Amino acid sequence: MGSNDFLLIVFGIILIYVIKKIVAIFQTRKKLTGEITTMSLRGRKVLFGLSIALVGFGIVYAVKIQDLYSIVYVLIGVTYSIVSLDKLYIGENGFCFDGKFGEFKKLKNGEL
């Protein structure tokens, strides 16, 4: 196993982790009840810009070199851009952020 294969495995693990995070984000939003308000986060704009830059780099890499890494770069950039568009969601029973759900009554009791 060469260094190229190892690098491809690492990128694959990163891609699987980010896809798992996207699934968690959408699943935890369903737990919120009542009127839901959202709040944007400042640092996410920088992450979105870097994700789009990674997609652009992957596309240029695909045109010039045409190998498997370019597809992986584009996929990681697209998935990170989806994660970077996530906001803080606040409902009547709790809040949801970054794929995690916190209930207000647990927060009040100090369980979180």
PDB file of N, CA and C in Angstrom:
ATOM      1  N   MET A   1       0.860  -1.180   0.000  1.00  0.00           N
ATOM      2  CA  MET A   1       0.000   0.000   0.000  1.00  0.00           C
ATOM      3  C   MET A   1       0.898   1.233   0.000  1.00  0.00           C
ATOM      4  N   GLY A   2       0.781   2.027  -1.029  1.00  0.00           N
ATOM      5  CA  GLY A   2       1.600   3.214  -1.166  1.00  0.00           C
ATOM      6  C   GLY A   2       0.995   4.407  -0.448  1.00  0.00           C
ATOM      7  N   SER A   3       1.716   5.501  -0.495  1.00  0.00           N
ATOM      8  CA  SER A   3       1.243   6.716   0.171  1.00  0.00           C
ATOM      9  C   SER A   3       0.000   7.281  -0.505  1.00  0.00           C
ATOM     10  N   ASN A   4      -0.138   7.069  -1.810  1.00  0.00           N
ATOM     11  CA  ASN A   4      -1.331   7.548  -2.516  1.00  0.00           C
ATOM     12  C   ASN A   4      -2.576   6.807  -2.060  1.00  0.00           C
ATOM     13  N   ASP A   5      -2.453   5.491  -1.866  1.00  0.00           N
ATOM     14  CA  ASP A   5      -3.593   4.711  -1.378  1.00  0.00           C
ATOM     15  C   ASP A   5      -3.971   5.124   0.038  1.00  0.00           C
ATOM     16  N   PHE A   6      -2.958   5.348   0.877  1.00  0.00           N
ATOM     17  CA  PHE A   6      -3.220   5.772   2.248  1.00  0.00           C
ATOM     18  C   PHE A   6      -3.928   7.124   2.272  1.00  0.00           C
ATOM     19  N   LEU A   7      -3.486   8.040   1.449  1.00  0.00           N
ATOM     20  CA  LEU A   7      -4.102   9.363   1.380  1.00  0.00           C
ATOM     21  C   LEU A   7      -5.547   9.277   0.901  1.00  0.00           C
ATOM     22  N   LEU A   8      -5.810   8.411  -0.048  1.00  0.00           N
ATOM     23  CA  LEU A   8      -7.171   8.219  -0.539  1.00  0.00           C
ATOM     24  C   LEU A   8      -8.071   7.636   0.552  1.00  0.00           C
ATOM     25  N   ILE A   9      -7.540   6.735   1.365  1.00  0.00           N
ATOM     26  CA  ILE A   9      -8.306   6.171   2.484  1.00  0.00           C
ATOM     27  C   ILE A   9      -8.625   7.254   3.506  1.00  0.00           C
ATOM     28  N   VAL A  10      -7.659   8.109   3.812  1.00  0.00           N
ATOM     29  CA  VAL A  10      -7.893   9.204   4.767  1.00  0.00           C
ATOM     30  C   VAL A  10      -8.973  10.149   4.242  1.00  0.00           C
ATOM     31  N   PHE A  11      -8.898  10.507   2.966  1.00  0.00           N
ATOM     32  CA  PHE A  11      -9.923  11.372   2.377  1.00  0.00           C
ATOM     33  C   PHE A  11     -11.285  10.693   2.387  1.00  0.00           C
ATOM     34  N   GLY A  12     -11.317   9.390   2.157  1.00  0.00           N
ATOM     35  CA  GLY A  12     -12.577   8.645   2.212  1.00  0.00           C
ATOM     36  C   GLY A  12     -13.176   8.649   3.604  1.00  0.00           C
ATOM     37  N   ILE A  13     -12.337   8.509   4.629  1.00  0.00           N
ATOM     38  CA  ILE A  13     -12.815   8.550   6.015  1.00  0.00           C
ATOM     39  C   ILE A  13     -13.367   9.929   6.343  1.00  0.00           C
ATOM     40  N   ILE A  14     -12.692  10.974   5.893  1.00  0.00           N
ATOM     41  CA  ILE A  14     -13.185  12.338   6.115  1.00  0.00           C
ATOM     42  C   ILE A  14     -14.535  12.527   5.436  1.00  0.00           C
ATOM     43  N   LEU A  15     -14.670  12.035   4.228  1.00  0.00           N
ATOM     44  CA  LEU A  15     -15.929  12.157   3.489  1.00  0.00           C
ATOM     45  C   LEU A  15     -17.061  11.417   4.202  1.00  0.00           C
ATOM     46  N   ILE A  16     -16.797  10.223   4.685  1.00  0.00           N
ATOM     47  CA  ILE A  16     -17.816   9.462   5.422  1.00  0.00           C
ATOM     48  C   ILE A  16     -18.214  10.194   6.698  1.00  0.00           C
ATOM     49  N   TYR A  17     -17.240  10.774   7.415  1.00  0.00           N
ATOM     50  CA  TYR A  17     -17.534  11.521   8.637  1.00  0.00           C
ATOM     51  C   TYR A  17     -18.434  12.726   8.350  1.00  0.00           C
ATOM     52  N   VAL A  18     -18.148  13.450   7.303  1.00  0.00           N
ATOM     53  CA  VAL A  18     -18.939  14.641   6.981  1.00  0.00           C
ATOM     54  C   VAL A  18     -20.345  14.249   6.528  1.00  0.00           C
ATOM     55  N   ILE A  19     -20.479  13.173   5.765  1.00  0.00           N
ATOM     56  CA  ILE A  19     -21.809  12.709   5.360  1.00  0.00           C
ATOM     57  C   ILE A  19     -22.611  12.277   6.582  1.00  0.00           C
ATOM     58  N   LYS A  20     -21.947  11.619   7.540  1.00  0.00           N
ATOM     59  CA  LYS A  20     -22.614  11.227   8.789  1.00  0.00           C
ATOM     60  C   LYS A  20     -23.088  12.461   9.560  1.00  0.00           C
ATOM     61  N   LYS A  21     -22.298  13.510   9.548  1.00  0.00           N
ATOM     62  CA  LYS A  21     -22.672  14.756  10.225  1.00  0.00           C
ATOM     63  C   LYS A  21     -23.872  15.415   9.546  1.00  0.00           C
ATOM     64  N   ILE A  22     -23.940  15.369   8.220  1.00  0.00           N
ATOM     65  CA  ILE A  22     -25.082  15.931   7.490  1.00  0.00           C
ATOM     66  C   ILE A  22     -26.354  15.180   7.850  1.00  0.00           C
ATOM     67  N   VAL A  23     -26.279  13.858   7.914  1.00  0.00           N
ATOM     68  CA  VAL A  23     -27.446  13.054   8.294  1.00  0.00           C
ATOM     69  C   VAL A  23     -27.882  13.406   9.713  1.00  0.00           C
ATOM     70  N   ALA A  24     -26.933  13.570  10.638  1.00  0.00           N
ATOM     71  CA  ALA A  24     -27.262  13.931  12.018  1.00  0.00           C
ATOM     72  C   ALA A  24     -27.910  15.310  12.093  1.00  0.00           C
ATOM     73  N   ILE A  25     -27.458  16.240  11.275  1.00  0.00           N
ATOM     74  CA  ILE A  25     -28.039  17.588  11.268  1.00  0.00           C
ATOM     75  C   ILE A  25     -29.507  17.531  10.883  1.00  0.00           C
ATOM     76  N   PHE A  26     -29.826  16.792   9.832  1.00  0.00           N
ATOM     77  CA  PHE A  26     -31.215  16.722   9.382  1.00  0.00           C
ATOM     78  C   PHE A  26     -32.087  15.920  10.341  1.00  0.00           C
ATOM     79  N   GLN A  27     -31.531  14.912  11.006  1.00  0.00           N
ATOM     80  CA  GLN A  27     -32.317  14.123  11.952  1.00  0.00           C
ATOM     81  C   GLN A  27     -32.626  14.899  13.223  1.00  0.00           C
ATOM     82  N   THR A  28     -31.683  15.699  13.709  1.00  0.00           N
ATOM     83  CA  THR A  28     -31.932  16.430  14.950  1.00  0.00           C
ATOM     84  C   THR A  28     -32.898  17.590  14.751  1.00  0.00           C
ATOM     85  N   ARG A  29     -32.988  18.124  13.555  1.00  0.00           N
ATOM     86  CA  ARG A  29     -33.958  19.197  13.304  1.00  0.00           C
ATOM     87  C   ARG A  29     -35.384  18.706  13.489  1.00  0.00           C
ATOM     88  N   LYS A  30     -35.622  17.428  13.226  1.00  0.00           N
ATOM     89  CA  LYS A  30     -36.970  16.868  13.353  1.00  0.00           C
ATOM     90  C   LYS A  30     -37.422  16.787  14.806  1.00  0.00           C
ATOM     91  N   LYS A  31     -36.503  16.842  15.758  1.00  0.00           N
ATOM     92  CA  LYS A  31     -36.857  16.746  17.174  1.00  0.00           C
ATOM     93  C   LYS A  31     -37.416  18.048  17.732  1.00  0.00           C
ATOM     94  N   LEU A  32     -37.203  19.153  17.036  1.00  0.00           N
ATOM     95  CA  LEU A  32     -37.696  20.442  17.519  1.00  0.00           C
ATOM     96  C   LEU A  32     -39.205  20.535  17.334  1.00  0.00           C
ATOM     97  N   THR A  33     -39.867  21.122  18.324  1.00  0.00           N
ATOM     98  CA  THR A  33     -41.314  21.298  18.246  1.00  0.00           C
ATOM     99  C   THR A  33     -41.666  22.775  18.367  1.00  0.00           C
ATOM    100  N   GLY A  34     -42.877  23.099  17.964  1.00  0.00           N
ATOM    101  CA  GLY A  34     -43.381  24.465  18.073  1.00  0.00           C
ATOM    102  C   GLY A  34     -42.766  25.391  17.045  1.00  0.00           C
ATOM    103  N   GLU A  35     -42.826  26.667  17.360  1.00  0.00           N
ATOM    104  CA  GLU A  35     -42.261  27.685  16.470  1.00  0.00           C
ATOM    105  C   GLU A  35     -40.738  27.616  16.532  1.00  0.00           C
ATOM    106  N   ILE A  36     -40.118  27.545  15.376  1.00  0.00           N
ATOM    107  CA  ILE A  36     -38.668  27.384  15.301  1.00  0.00           C
ATOM    108  C   ILE A  36     -38.047  28.666  14.759  1.00  0.00           C
ATOM    109  N   THR A  37     -37.082  29.190  15.492  1.00  0.00           N
ATOM    110  CA  THR A  37     -36.333  30.360  15.038  1.00  0.00           C
ATOM    111  C   THR A  37     -34.901  29.929  14.723  1.00  0.00           C
ATOM    112  N   THR A  38     -34.264  30.659  13.831  1.00  0.00           N
ATOM    113  CA  THR A  38     -32.897  30.330  13.437  1.00  0.00           C
ATOM    114  C   THR A  38     -31.977  31.517  13.669  1.00  0.00           C
ATOM    115  N   MET A  39     -30.720  31.202  13.898  1.00  0.00           N
ATOM    116  CA  MET A  39     -29.694  32.224  14.060  1.00  0.00           C
ATOM    117  C   MET A  39     -28.497  31.844  13.199  1.00  0.00           C
ATOM    118  N   SER A  40     -28.037  32.776  12.401  1.00  0.00           N
ATOM    119  CA  SER A  40     -26.840  32.536  11.587  1.00  0.00           C
ATOM    120  C   SER A  40     -25.599  32.651  12.458  1.00  0.00           C
ATOM    121  N   LEU A  41     -24.540  32.011  12.031  1.00  0.00           N
ATOM    122  CA  LEU A  41     -23.294  32.026  12.780  1.00  0.00           C
ATOM    123  C   LEU A  41     -22.201  32.647  11.925  1.00  0.00           C
ATOM    124  N   ARG A  42     -21.380  33.486  12.540  1.00  0.00           N
ATOM    125  CA  ARG A  42     -20.386  34.245  11.782  1.00  0.00           C
ATOM    126  C   ARG A  42     -19.314  33.376  11.145  1.00  0.00           C
ATOM    127  N   GLY A  43     -18.756  32.456  11.883  1.00  0.00           N
ATOM    128  CA  GLY A  43     -17.642  31.658  11.378  1.00  0.00           C
ATOM    129  C   GLY A  43     -18.005  30.737  10.237  1.00  0.00           C
ATOM    130  N   ARG A  44     -19.279  30.493  10.058  1.00  0.00           N
ATOM    131  CA  ARG A  44     -19.711  29.570   9.011  1.00  0.00           C
ATOM    132  C   ARG A  44     -19.523  30.155   7.615  1.00  0.00           C
ATOM    133  N   LYS A  45     -19.494  31.461   7.487  1.00  0.00           N
ATOM    134  CA  LYS A  45     -19.281  32.079   6.170  1.00  0.00           C
ATOM    135  C   LYS A  45     -17.867  31.802   5.672  1.00  0.00           C
ATOM    136  N   VAL A  46     -16.910  31.815   6.576  1.00  0.00           N
ATOM    137  CA  VAL A  46     -15.528  31.514   6.207  1.00  0.00           C
ATOM    138  C   VAL A  46     -15.411  30.050   5.789  1.00  0.00           C
ATOM    139  N   LEU A  47     -16.050  29.161   6.548  1.00  0.00           N
ATOM    140  CA  LEU A  47     -16.038  27.742   6.204  1.00  0.00           C
ATOM    141  C   LEU A  47     -16.699  27.491   4.854  1.00  0.00           C
ATOM    142  N   PHE A  48     -17.781  28.202   4.573  1.00  0.00           N
ATOM    143  CA  PHE A  48     -18.449  28.061   3.280  1.00  0.00           C
ATOM    144  C   PHE A  48     -17.533  28.517   2.142  1.00  0.00           C
ATOM    145  N   GLY A  49     -16.840  29.626   2.336  1.00  0.00           N
ATOM    146  CA  GLY A  49     -15.906  30.115   1.320  1.00  0.00           C
ATOM    147  C   GLY A  49     -14.773  29.136   1.060  1.00  0.00           C
ATOM    148  N   LEU A  50     -14.233  28.553   2.124  1.00  0.00           N
ATOM    149  CA  LEU A  50     -13.174  27.563   1.956  1.00  0.00           C
ATOM    150  C   LEU A  50     -13.689  26.299   1.270  1.00  0.00           C
ATOM    151  N   SER A  51     -14.922  25.931   1.559  1.00  0.00           N
ATOM    152  CA  SER A  51     -15.515  24.754   0.918  1.00  0.00           C
ATOM    153  C   SER A  51     -15.703  24.977  -0.576  1.00  0.00           C
ATOM    154  N   ILE A  52     -16.171  26.153  -0.937  1.00  0.00           N
ATOM    155  CA  ILE A  52     -16.336  26.475  -2.355  1.00  0.00           C
ATOM    156  C   ILE A  52     -14.972  26.523  -3.049  1.00  0.00           C
ATOM    157  N   ALA A  53     -13.958  27.032  -2.351  1.00  0.00           N
ATOM    158  CA  ALA A  53     -12.604  27.048  -2.921  1.00  0.00           C
ATOM    159  C   ALA A  53     -12.103  25.619  -3.151  1.00  0.00           C
ATOM    160  N   LEU A  54     -12.423  24.710  -2.227  1.00  0.00           N
ATOM    161  CA  LEU A  54     -12.026  23.316  -2.395  1.00  0.00           C
ATOM    162  C   LEU A  54     -12.740  22.675  -3.583  1.00  0.00           C
ATOM    163  N   VAL A  55     -14.001  23.022  -3.781  1.00  0.00           N
ATOM    164  CA  VAL A  55     -14.733  22.522  -4.950  1.00  0.00           C
ATOM    165  C   VAL A  55     -14.082  23.048  -6.233  1.00  0.00           C
ATOM    166  N   GLY A  56     -13.761  24.330  -6.261  1.00  0.00           N
ATOM    167  CA  GLY A  56     -13.095  24.911  -7.430  1.00  0.00           C
ATOM    168  C   GLY A  56     -11.745  24.267  -7.694  1.00  0.00           C
ATOM    169  N   PHE A  57     -10.982  24.037  -6.629  1.00  0.00           N
ATOM    170  CA  PHE A  57      -9.691  23.366  -6.765  1.00  0.00           C
ATOM    171  C   PHE A  57      -9.875  21.959  -7.329  1.00  0.00           C
ATOM    172  N   GLY A  58     -10.888  21.250  -6.849  1.00  0.00           N
ATOM    173  CA  GLY A  58     -11.157  19.899  -7.341  1.00  0.00           C
ATOM    174  C   GLY A  58     -11.550  19.883  -8.801  1.00  0.00           C
ATOM    175  N   ILE A  59     -12.337  20.867  -9.222  1.00  0.00           N
ATOM    176  CA  ILE A  59     -12.748  20.933 -10.631  1.00  0.00           C
ATOM    177  C   ILE A  59     -11.551  21.232 -11.530  1.00  0.00           C
ATOM    178  N   VAL A  60     -10.721  22.183 -11.126  1.00  0.00           N
ATOM    179  CA  VAL A  60      -9.519  22.495 -11.911  1.00  0.00           C
ATOM    180  C   VAL A  60      -8.592  21.283 -11.952  1.00  0.00           C
ATOM    181  N   TYR A  61      -8.455  20.612 -10.823  1.00  0.00           N
ATOM    182  CA  TYR A  61      -7.621  19.414 -10.739  1.00  0.00           C
ATOM    183  C   TYR A  61      -8.170  18.312 -11.646  1.00  0.00           C
ATOM    184  N   ALA A  62      -9.494  18.203 -11.722  1.00  0.00           N
ATOM    185  CA  ALA A  62     -10.126  17.187 -12.576  1.00  0.00           C
ATOM    186  C   ALA A  62      -9.872  17.475 -14.048  1.00  0.00           C
ATOM    187  N   VAL A  63      -9.909  18.745 -14.422  1.00  0.00           N
ATOM    188  CA  VAL A  63      -9.684  19.104 -15.821  1.00  0.00           C
ATOM    189  C   VAL A  63      -8.219  18.881 -16.205  1.00  0.00           C
ATOM    190  N   LYS A  64      -7.299  19.251 -15.325  1.00  0.00           N
ATOM    191  CA  LYS A  64      -5.874  19.165 -15.649  1.00  0.00           C
ATOM    192  C   LYS A  64      -5.334  17.738 -15.563  1.00  0.00           C
ATOM    193  N   ILE A  65      -5.615  17.052 -14.443  1.00  0.00           N
ATOM    194  CA  ILE A  65      -4.937  15.787 -14.181  1.00  0.00           C
ATOM    195  C   ILE A  65      -5.832  14.568 -14.395  1.00  0.00           C
ATOM    196  N   GLN A  66      -7.097  14.686 -14.138  1.00  0.00           N
ATOM    197  CA  GLN A  66      -8.088  13.633 -14.364  1.00  0.00           C
ATOM    198  C   GLN A  66      -7.770  12.341 -13.611  1.00  0.00           C
ATOM    199  N   ASP A  67      -7.824  12.414 -12.274  1.00  0.00           N
ATOM    200  CA  ASP A  67      -7.701  11.202 -11.482  1.00  0.00           C
ATOM    201  C   ASP A  67      -8.747  11.186 -10.372  1.00  0.00           C
ATOM    202  N   LEU A  68      -8.668  10.191  -9.521  1.00  0.00           N
ATOM    203  CA  LEU A  68      -9.682   9.962  -8.498  1.00  0.00           C
ATOM    204  C   LEU A  68      -9.685  11.041  -7.415  1.00  0.00           C
ATOM    205  N   TYR A  69      -8.532  11.636  -7.139  1.00  0.00           N
ATOM    206  CA  TYR A  69      -8.447  12.651  -6.093  1.00  0.00           C
ATOM    207  C   TYR A  69      -9.332  13.856  -6.385  1.00  0.00           C
ATOM    208  N   SER A  70      -9.453  14.220  -7.640  1.00  0.00           N
ATOM    209  CA  SER A  70     -10.273  15.385  -7.985  1.00  0.00           C
ATOM    210  C   SER A  70     -11.732  15.154  -7.621  1.00  0.00           C
ATOM    211  N   ILE A  71     -12.227  13.950  -7.836  1.00  0.00           N
ATOM    212  CA  ILE A  71     -13.613  13.641  -7.460  1.00  0.00           C
ATOM    213  C   ILE A  71     -13.773  13.713  -5.952  1.00  0.00           C
ATOM    214  N   VAL A  72     -12.785  13.203  -5.222  1.00  0.00           N
ATOM    215  CA  VAL A  72     -12.838  13.239  -3.758  1.00  0.00           C
ATOM    216  C   VAL A  72     -12.804  14.677  -3.262  1.00  0.00           C
ATOM    217  N   TYR A  73     -11.969  15.528  -3.855  1.00  0.00           N
ATOM    218  CA  TYR A  73     -11.913  16.941  -3.463  1.00  0.00           C
ATOM    219  C   TYR A  73     -13.262  17.623  -3.669  1.00  0.00           C
ATOM    220  N   VAL A  74     -13.877  17.375  -4.802  1.00  0.00           N
ATOM    221  CA  VAL A  74     -15.176  17.993  -5.089  1.00  0.00           C
ATOM    222  C   VAL A  74     -16.231  17.498  -4.103  1.00  0.00           C
ATOM    223  N   LEU A  75     -16.263  16.202  -3.835  1.00  0.00           N
ATOM    224  CA  LEU A  75     -17.257  15.657  -2.903  1.00  0.00           C
ATOM    225  C   LEU A  75     -17.069  16.192  -1.489  1.00  0.00           C
ATOM    226  N   ILE A  76     -15.826  16.260  -1.025  1.00  0.00           N
ATOM    227  CA  ILE A  76     -15.570  16.807   0.311  1.00  0.00           C
ATOM    228  C   ILE A  76     -15.955  18.280   0.357  1.00  0.00           C
ATOM    229  N   GLY A  77     -15.646  19.038  -0.678  1.00  0.00           N
ATOM    230  CA  GLY A  77     -16.021  20.453  -0.713  1.00  0.00           C
ATOM    231  C   GLY A  77     -17.522  20.655  -0.698  1.00  0.00           C
ATOM    232  N   VAL A  78     -18.248  19.845  -1.462  1.00  0.00           N
ATOM    233  CA  VAL A  78     -19.711  19.965  -1.497  1.00  0.00           C
ATOM    234  C   VAL A  78     -20.314  19.606  -0.143  1.00  0.00           C
ATOM    235  N   THR A  79     -19.835  18.517   0.472  1.00  0.00           N
ATOM    236  CA  THR A  79     -20.400  18.125   1.767  1.00  0.00           C
ATOM    237  C   THR A  79     -20.068  19.143   2.854  1.00  0.00           C
ATOM    238  N   TYR A  80     -18.852  19.671   2.856  1.00  0.00           N
ATOM    239  CA  TYR A  80     -18.517  20.708   3.834  1.00  0.00           C
ATOM    240  C   TYR A  80     -19.331  21.979   3.612  1.00  0.00           C
ATOM    241  N   SER A  81     -19.639  22.303   2.373  1.00  0.00           N
ATOM    242  CA  SER A  81     -20.456  23.496   2.134  1.00  0.00           C
ATOM    243  C   SER A  81     -21.869  23.290   2.665  1.00  0.00           C
ATOM    244  N   ILE A  82     -22.395  22.065   2.586  1.00  0.00           N
ATOM    245  CA  ILE A  82     -23.711  21.786   3.168  1.00  0.00           C
ATOM    246  C   ILE A  82     -23.658  21.932   4.682  1.00  0.00           C
ATOM    247  N   VAL A  83     -22.603  21.421   5.310  1.00  0.00           N
ATOM    248  CA  VAL A  83     -22.454  21.542   6.764  1.00  0.00           C
ATOM    249  C   VAL A  83     -22.299  23.003   7.165  1.00  0.00           C
ATOM    250  N   SER A  84     -21.592  23.788   6.366  1.00  0.00           N
ATOM    251  CA  SER A  84     -21.350  25.183   6.723  1.00  0.00           C
ATOM    252  C   SER A  84     -22.603  26.041   6.624  1.00  0.00           C
ATOM    253  N   LEU A  85     -23.620  25.577   5.917  1.00  0.00           N
ATOM    254  CA  LEU A  85     -24.869  26.331   5.820  1.00  0.00           C
ATOM    255  C   LEU A  85     -25.798  26.081   7.005  1.00  0.00           C
ATOM    256  N   ASP A  86     -25.403  25.200   7.925  1.00  0.00           N
ATOM    257  CA  ASP A  86     -26.223  24.898   9.095  1.00  0.00           C
ATOM    258  C   ASP A  86     -26.284  26.113  10.017  1.00  0.00           C
ATOM    259  N   LYS A  87     -27.423  26.274  10.675  1.00  0.00           N
ATOM    260  CA  LYS A  87     -27.638  27.394  11.587  1.00  0.00           C
ATOM    261  C   LYS A  87     -27.999  26.856  12.955  1.00  0.00           C
ATOM    262  N   LEU A  88     -28.133  27.742  13.912  1.00  0.00           N
ATOM    263  CA  LEU A  88     -28.625  27.387  15.236  1.00  0.00           C
ATOM    264  C   LEU A  88     -30.142  27.450  15.189  1.00  0.00           C
ATOM    265  N   TYR A  89     -30.803  26.330  15.463  1.00  0.00           N
ATOM    266  CA  TYR A  89     -32.261  26.251  15.447  1.00  0.00           C
ATOM    267  C   TYR A  89     -32.756  26.178  16.881  1.00  0.00           C
ATOM    268  N   ILE A  90     -33.713  27.049  17.219  1.00  0.00           N
ATOM    269  CA  ILE A  90     -34.268  27.087  18.566  1.00  0.00           C
ATOM    270  C   ILE A  90     -35.767  26.861  18.475  1.00  0.00           C
ATOM    271  N   GLY A  91     -36.241  25.834  19.159  1.00  0.00           N
ATOM    272  CA  GLY A  91     -37.667  25.513  19.194  1.00  0.00           C
ATOM    273  C   GLY A  91     -38.204  25.674  20.606  1.00  0.00           C
ATOM    274  N   GLU A  92     -39.441  25.237  20.824  1.00  0.00           N
ATOM    275  CA  GLU A  92     -40.050  25.363  22.145  1.00  0.00           C
ATOM    276  C   GLU A  92     -39.481  24.357  23.141  1.00  0.00           C
ATOM    277  N   ASN A  93     -39.023  23.214  22.657  1.00  0.00           N
ATOM    278  CA  ASN A  93     -38.530  22.190  23.571  1.00  0.00           C
ATOM    279  C   ASN A  93     -37.005  22.152  23.698  1.00  0.00           C
ATOM    280  N   GLY A  94     -36.282  22.867  22.841  1.00  0.00           N
ATOM    281  CA  GLY A  94     -34.835  22.849  22.924  1.00  0.00           C
ATOM    282  C   GLY A  94     -34.185  23.534  21.737  1.00  0.00           C
ATOM    283  N   PHE A  95     -32.913  23.223  21.548  1.00  0.00           N
ATOM    284  CA  PHE A  95     -32.170  23.826  20.445  1.00  0.00           C
ATOM    285  C   PHE A  95     -31.363  22.753  19.724  1.00  0.00           C
ATOM    286  N   CYS A  96     -31.039  23.051  18.483  1.00  0.00           N
ATOM    287  CA  CYS A  96     -30.323  22.116  17.627  1.00  0.00           C
ATOM    288  C   CYS A  96     -29.178  22.867  16.958  1.00  0.00           C
ATOM    289  N   PHE A  97     -27.980  22.302  17.070  1.00  0.00           N
ATOM    290  CA  PHE A  97     -26.824  22.917  16.434  1.00  0.00           C
ATOM    291  C   PHE A  97     -25.797  21.842  16.115  1.00  0.00           C
ATOM    292  N   ASP A  98     -25.294  21.857  14.925  1.00  0.00           N
ATOM    293  CA  ASP A  98     -24.195  20.996  14.505  1.00  0.00           C
ATOM    294  C   ASP A  98     -24.507  19.509  14.695  1.00  0.00           C
ATOM    295  N   GLY A  99     -25.767  19.143  14.471  1.00  0.00           N
ATOM    296  CA  GLY A  99     -26.157  17.749  14.582  1.00  0.00           C
ATOM    297  C   GLY A  99     -26.413  17.273  15.989  1.00  0.00           C
ATOM    298  N   LYS A 100     -26.449  18.192  16.938  1.00  0.00           N
ATOM    299  CA  LYS A 100     -26.700  17.827  18.332  1.00  0.00           C
ATOM    300  C   LYS A 100     -27.956  18.541  18.815  1.00  0.00           C
ATOM    301  N   PHE A 101     -28.717  17.869  19.673  1.00  0.00           N
ATOM    302  CA  PHE A 101     -29.970  18.406  20.184  1.00  0.00           C
ATOM    303  C   PHE A 101     -29.856  18.567  21.691  1.00  0.00           C
ATOM    304  N   GLY A 102     -30.218  19.741  22.181  1.00  0.00           N
ATOM    305  CA  GLY A 102     -30.225  20.002  23.613  1.00  0.00           C
ATOM    306  C   GLY A 102     -31.612  20.407  24.070  1.00  0.00           C
ATOM    307  N   GLU A 103     -32.107  19.739  25.105  1.00  0.00           N
ATOM    308  CA  GLU A 103     -33.430  20.063  25.635  1.00  0.00           C
ATOM    309  C   GLU A 103     -33.293  21.098  26.741  1.00  0.00           C
ATOM    310  N   PHE A 104     -34.253  22.032  26.785  1.00  0.00           N
ATOM    311  CA  PHE A 104     -34.206  23.091  27.784  1.00  0.00           C
ATOM    312  C   PHE A 104     -34.364  22.550  29.197  1.00  0.00           C
ATOM    313  N   LYS A 105     -35.211  21.530  29.398  1.00  0.00           N
ATOM    314  CA  LYS A 105     -35.412  21.025  30.756  1.00  0.00           C
ATOM    315  C   LYS A 105     -34.162  20.304  31.261  1.00  0.00           C
ATOM    316  N   LYS A 106     -33.412  19.655  30.379  1.00  0.00           N
ATOM    317  CA  LYS A 106     -32.151  19.043  30.796  1.00  0.00           C
ATOM    318  C   LYS A 106     -31.105  20.110  31.090  1.00  0.00           C
ATOM    319  N   LEU A 107     -31.131  21.176  30.327  1.00  0.00           N
ATOM    320  CA  LEU A 107     -30.208  22.282  30.549  1.00  0.00           C
ATOM    321  C   LEU A 107     -30.495  22.948  31.885  1.00  0.00           C
ATOM    322  N   LYS A 108     -31.775  23.088  32.202  1.00  0.00           N
ATOM    323  CA  LYS A 108     -32.184  23.704  33.461  1.00  0.00           C
ATOM    324  C   LYS A 108     -31.759  22.848  34.654  1.00  0.00           C
ATOM    325  N   ASN A 109     -31.822  21.533  34.502  1.00  0.00           N
ATOM    326  CA  ASN A 109     -31.444  20.624  35.587  1.00  0.00           C
ATOM    327  C   ASN A 109     -29.943  20.369  35.646  1.00  0.00           C
ATOM    328  N   GLY A 110     -29.199  20.886  34.717  1.00  0.00           N
ATOM    329  CA  GLY A 110     -27.753  20.728  34.693  1.00  0.00           C
ATOM    330  C   GLY A 110     -27.288  19.389  34.164  1.00  0.00           C
ATOM    331  N   GLU A 111     -28.106  18.721  33.369  1.00  0.00           N
ATOM    332  CA  GLU A 111     -27.755  17.406  32.844  1.00  0.00           C
ATOM    333  C   GLU A 111     -26.954  17.481  31.553  1.00  0.00           C
ATOM    334  N   LEU A 112     -26.916  18.605  30.888  1.00  0.00           N
ATOM    335  CA  LEU A 112     -26.174  18.698  29.620  1.00  0.00           C
ATOM    336  C   LEU A 112     -24.731  19.021  29.846  1.00  0.00           C
TER     337      LEU A 112
END
